[in-house]
C-alpha atoms as a PDB file:
ATOM      1  CA  MET A   1      -0.090 -10.448   0.735  1.00  0.00           C
ATOM      2  CA  ARG A   2       0.124  -6.665   0.317  1.00  0.00           C
ATOM      3  CA  CYS A   3       0.025  -6.820  -3.482  1.00  0.00           C
ATOM      4  CA  PHE A   4      -3.739  -7.298  -3.113  1.00  0.00           C
ATOM      5  CA  GLN A   5      -4.074  -4.026  -1.162  1.00  0.00           C
ATOM      6  CA  GLY A   6      -4.296  -2.252  -4.522  1.00  0.00           C
ATOM      7  CA  GLN A   7      -7.993  -3.112  -4.845  1.00  0.00           C
ATOM      8  CA  THR A   8      -8.629  -1.873  -1.307  1.00  0.00           C
ATOM      9  CA  ILE A   9      -6.859   1.420  -2.049  1.00  0.00           C
ATOM     10  CA  LEU A  10      -8.963   1.883  -5.207  1.00  0.00           C
ATOM     11  CA  GLN A  11     -12.221   1.245  -3.334  1.00  0.00           C
ATOM     12  CA  VAL A  12     -11.280   3.528  -0.440  1.00  0.00           C
ATOM     13  CA  ALA A  13     -10.305   6.285  -2.919  1.00  0.00           C
ATOM     14  CA  LYS A  14     -13.760   6.066  -4.540  1.00  0.00           C
ATOM     15  CA  ASN A  15     -15.395   6.794  -1.174  1.00  0.00           C
ATOM     16  CA  GLN A  16     -13.447  10.079  -0.800  1.00  0.00           C
ATOM     17  CA  ASP A  17     -13.709   9.807   2.989  1.00  0.00           C
ATOM     18  CA  PHE A  18     -12.445   7.612   5.792  1.00  0.00           C
ATOM     19  CA  THR A  19     -13.584   4.030   5.320  1.00  0.00           C
ATOM     20  CA  THR A  20     -13.390   1.093   7.701  1.00  0.00           C
ATOM     21  CA  VAL A  21     -11.204  -1.708   6.356  1.00  0.00           C
ATOM     22  CA  ILE A  22     -10.288  -5.055   7.874  1.00  0.00           C
ATOM     23  CA  VAL A  23      -6.539  -5.639   8.152  1.00  0.00           C
ATOM     24  CA  PRO A  24      -4.413  -8.312   9.841  1.00  0.00           C
ATOM     25  CA  ASN A  25      -2.798  -7.349  13.133  1.00  0.00           C
ATOM     26  CA  ILE A  26       0.936  -7.255  12.422  1.00  0.00           C
ATOM     27  CA  GLN A  27       1.941  -5.045  15.325  1.00  0.00           C
ATOM     28  CA  THR A  28       4.879  -6.199  17.415  1.00  0.00           C
ATOM     29  CA  SER A  29       3.505  -7.906  20.469  1.00  0.00           C
ATOM     30  CA  ALA A  30       4.585 -10.422  23.035  1.00  0.00           C
ATOM     31  CA  ILE A  31       1.113 -11.938  22.727  1.00  0.00           C
ATOM     32  CA  THR A  32       1.396 -14.091  19.618  1.00  0.00           C
ATOM     33  CA  GLU A  33      -2.291 -15.071  19.682  1.00  0.00           C
ATOM     34  CA  ASN A  34      -3.079 -11.581  18.362  1.00  0.00           C
ATOM     35  CA  LEU A  35      -0.750 -11.912  15.386  1.00  0.00           C
ATOM     36  CA  LEU A  36      -2.736 -11.752  12.123  1.00  0.00           C
ATOM     37  CA  GLN A  37      -6.044 -11.316  13.986  1.00  0.00           C
ATOM     38  CA  PRO A  38      -8.510  -9.318  11.863  1.00  0.00           C
ATOM     39  CA  THR A  39      -8.711  -5.724  13.094  1.00  0.00           C
ATOM     40  CA  PHE A  40     -10.688  -2.695  11.949  1.00  0.00           C
ATOM     41  CA  ASP A  41      -8.856   0.409  10.779  1.00  0.00           C
ATOM     42  CA  GLU A  42     -10.107   3.719   9.394  1.00  0.00           C
ATOM     43  CA  ARG A  43      -8.380   4.649   6.135  1.00  0.00           C
ATOM     44  CA  THR A  44      -8.673   7.135   3.312  1.00  0.00           C
ATOM     45  CA  ALA A  45      -6.972   7.267  -0.078  1.00  0.00           C
ATOM     46  CA  LYS A  46      -6.274  10.158  -2.414  1.00  0.00           C
ATOM     47  CA  PHE A  47      -5.133   9.982  -6.040  1.00  0.00           C
ATOM     48  CA  LEU A  48      -1.908  11.960  -6.539  1.00  0.00           C
ATOM     49  CA  GLN A  49      -0.708  11.389 -10.104  1.00  0.00           C
ATOM     50  CA  LYS A  50      -0.042   8.939 -12.916  1.00  0.00           C
ATOM     51  CA  GLU A  51       3.498   7.596 -13.102  1.00  0.00           C
ATOM     52  CA  ASN A  52       5.357   5.007 -15.162  1.00  0.00           C
ATOM     53  CA  ILE A  53       7.748   2.891 -13.136  1.00  0.00           C
ATOM     54  CA  ALA A  54      10.262   0.373 -14.454  1.00  0.00           C
ATOM     55  CA  PHE A  55      11.974  -2.495 -12.709  1.00  0.00           C
ATOM     56  CA  ASP A  56      15.446  -3.840 -13.201  1.00  0.00           C
ATOM     57  CA  ASP A  57      14.456  -7.348 -14.124  1.00  0.00           C
ATOM     58  CA  PRO A  58      15.507  -9.275 -17.251  1.00  0.00           C
ATOM     59  CA  GLU A  59      12.217  -8.375 -18.953  1.00  0.00           C
ATOM     60  CA  SER A  60      12.637  -4.599 -18.374  1.00  0.00           C
ATOM     61  CA  VAL A  61       8.916  -4.196 -17.748  1.00  0.00           C
ATOM     62  CA  THR A  62       7.439  -0.726 -17.292  1.00  0.00           C
ATOM     63  CA  PHE A  63       4.165  -0.346 -15.404  1.00  0.00           C
ATOM     64  CA  GLU A  64       1.664   2.450 -15.898  1.00  0.00           C
ATOM     65  CA  THR A  65       0.535   3.216 -12.369  1.00  0.00           C
ATOM     66  CA  ASN A  66      -1.636   5.560 -10.383  1.00  0.00           C
ATOM     67  CA  VAL A  67       0.030   6.934  -7.275  1.00  0.00           C
ATOM     68  CA  TYR A  68      -2.054   7.304  -4.110  1.00  0.00           C
ATOM     69  CA  GLN A  69      -1.705   8.536  -0.580  1.00  0.00           C
ATOM     70  CA  TYR A  70      -3.249   5.921   1.698  1.00  0.00           C
ATOM     71  CA  LEU A  71      -3.758   7.373   5.142  1.00  0.00           C
ATOM     72  CA  SER A  72      -4.430   5.654   8.453  1.00  0.00           C
ATOM     73  CA  LYS A  73      -2.970   5.497  11.932  1.00  0.00           C
ATOM     74  CA  HIS A  74      -0.055   3.572  10.369  1.00  0.00           C
ATOM     75  CA  TYR A  75       0.464   5.633   7.183  1.00  0.00           C
ATOM     76  CA  ASP A  76       0.857   9.411   7.095  1.00  0.00           C
ATOM     77  CA  ASP A  77       0.951  11.839   4.171  1.00  0.00           C
ATOM     78  CA  ASN A  78       4.564  10.866   3.437  1.00  0.00           C
ATOM     79  CA  SER A  79       3.315   7.480   2.273  1.00  0.00           C
ATOM     80  CA  GLN A  80       2.817   6.677  -1.400  1.00  0.00           C
ATOM     81  CA  PHE A  81       1.365   3.602  -3.063  1.00  0.00           C
ATOM     82  CA  TRP A  82       1.708   2.701  -6.776  1.00  0.00           C
ATOM     83  CA  VAL A  83      -1.260   0.706  -8.156  1.00  0.00           C
ATOM     84  CA  ASP A  84      -1.228  -0.711 -11.693  1.00  0.00           C
ATOM     85  CA  GLU A  85      -4.094  -0.827 -14.204  1.00  0.00           C
ATOM     86  CA  ASN A  86      -5.148  -4.267 -12.885  1.00  0.00           C
ATOM     87  CA  GLY A  87      -5.445  -3.010  -9.308  1.00  0.00           C
ATOM     88  CA  PHE A  88      -2.266  -4.658  -8.030  1.00  0.00           C
ATOM     89  CA  LEU A  89      -0.037  -2.824  -5.595  1.00  0.00           C
ATOM     90  CA  ILE A  90       3.262  -2.613  -7.500  1.00  0.00           C
ATOM     91  CA  ALA A  91       5.251  -0.539  -4.997  1.00  0.00           C
ATOM     92  CA  TYR A  92       4.839   1.435  -1.797  1.00  0.00           C
ATOM     93  CA  GLU A  93       6.839   3.660   0.474  1.00  0.00           C
ATOM     94  CA  PHE A  94       5.947   4.796   3.958  1.00  0.00           C
ATOM     95  CA  VAL A  95       7.644   6.346   6.928  1.00  0.00           C
ATOM     96  CA  GLN A  96       7.141   4.230  10.044  1.00  0.00           C
ATOM     97  CA  ALA A  97       9.376   6.492  12.137  1.00  0.00           C
ATOM     98  CA  LYS A  98      12.049   9.073  11.360  1.00  0.00           C
ATOM     99  CA  ASP A  99      14.649   6.318  11.179  1.00  0.00           C
ATOM    100  CA  LYS A 100      12.397   3.649   9.601  1.00  0.00           C
ATOM    101  CA  ILE A 101      11.395   4.184   5.980  1.00  0.00           C
ATOM    102  CA  TRP A 102       9.901   1.243   4.115  1.00  0.00           C
ATOM    103  CA  THR A 103      10.441   1.118   0.353  1.00  0.00           C
ATOM    104  CA  VAL A 104       8.941  -1.986  -1.254  1.00  0.00           C
ATOM    105  CA  ARG A 105       8.824  -2.756  -4.982  1.00  0.00           C
ATOM    106  CA  LEU A 106       7.860  -5.684  -7.148  1.00  0.00           C
ATOM    107  CA  GLU A 107      11.094  -7.375  -8.223  1.00  0.00           C
ATOM    108  CA  SER A 108       9.934  -9.472 -11.124  1.00  0.00           C
ATOM    109  CA  THR A 109       6.876 -10.178 -13.198  1.00  0.00           C
ATOM    110  CA  ARG A 110       7.562 -13.915 -13.319  1.00  0.00           C
END
């Protein structure tokens, strides 16, 4: 599901300001009816740099990516998102809490 966030990051970066986006509610809650409910969130994105990243799959594919900060109430300036030339989110890393760091990468191109 998050691989498609790349297009959202690109559009938000074009605005160069906070933009309202619709995201699914994935917050931990005892009320399961709220799970995946559409919610509004203010976000901004900033281009940081170009970077080639490679994955350890049998094809040894290297992606040319643009790295962005994607800021919201859930992502701070320690967060980075790698978006490829097709607008797909290839990898991301964000700090949820001091002891919770998410590092997510595409494993294969198949």
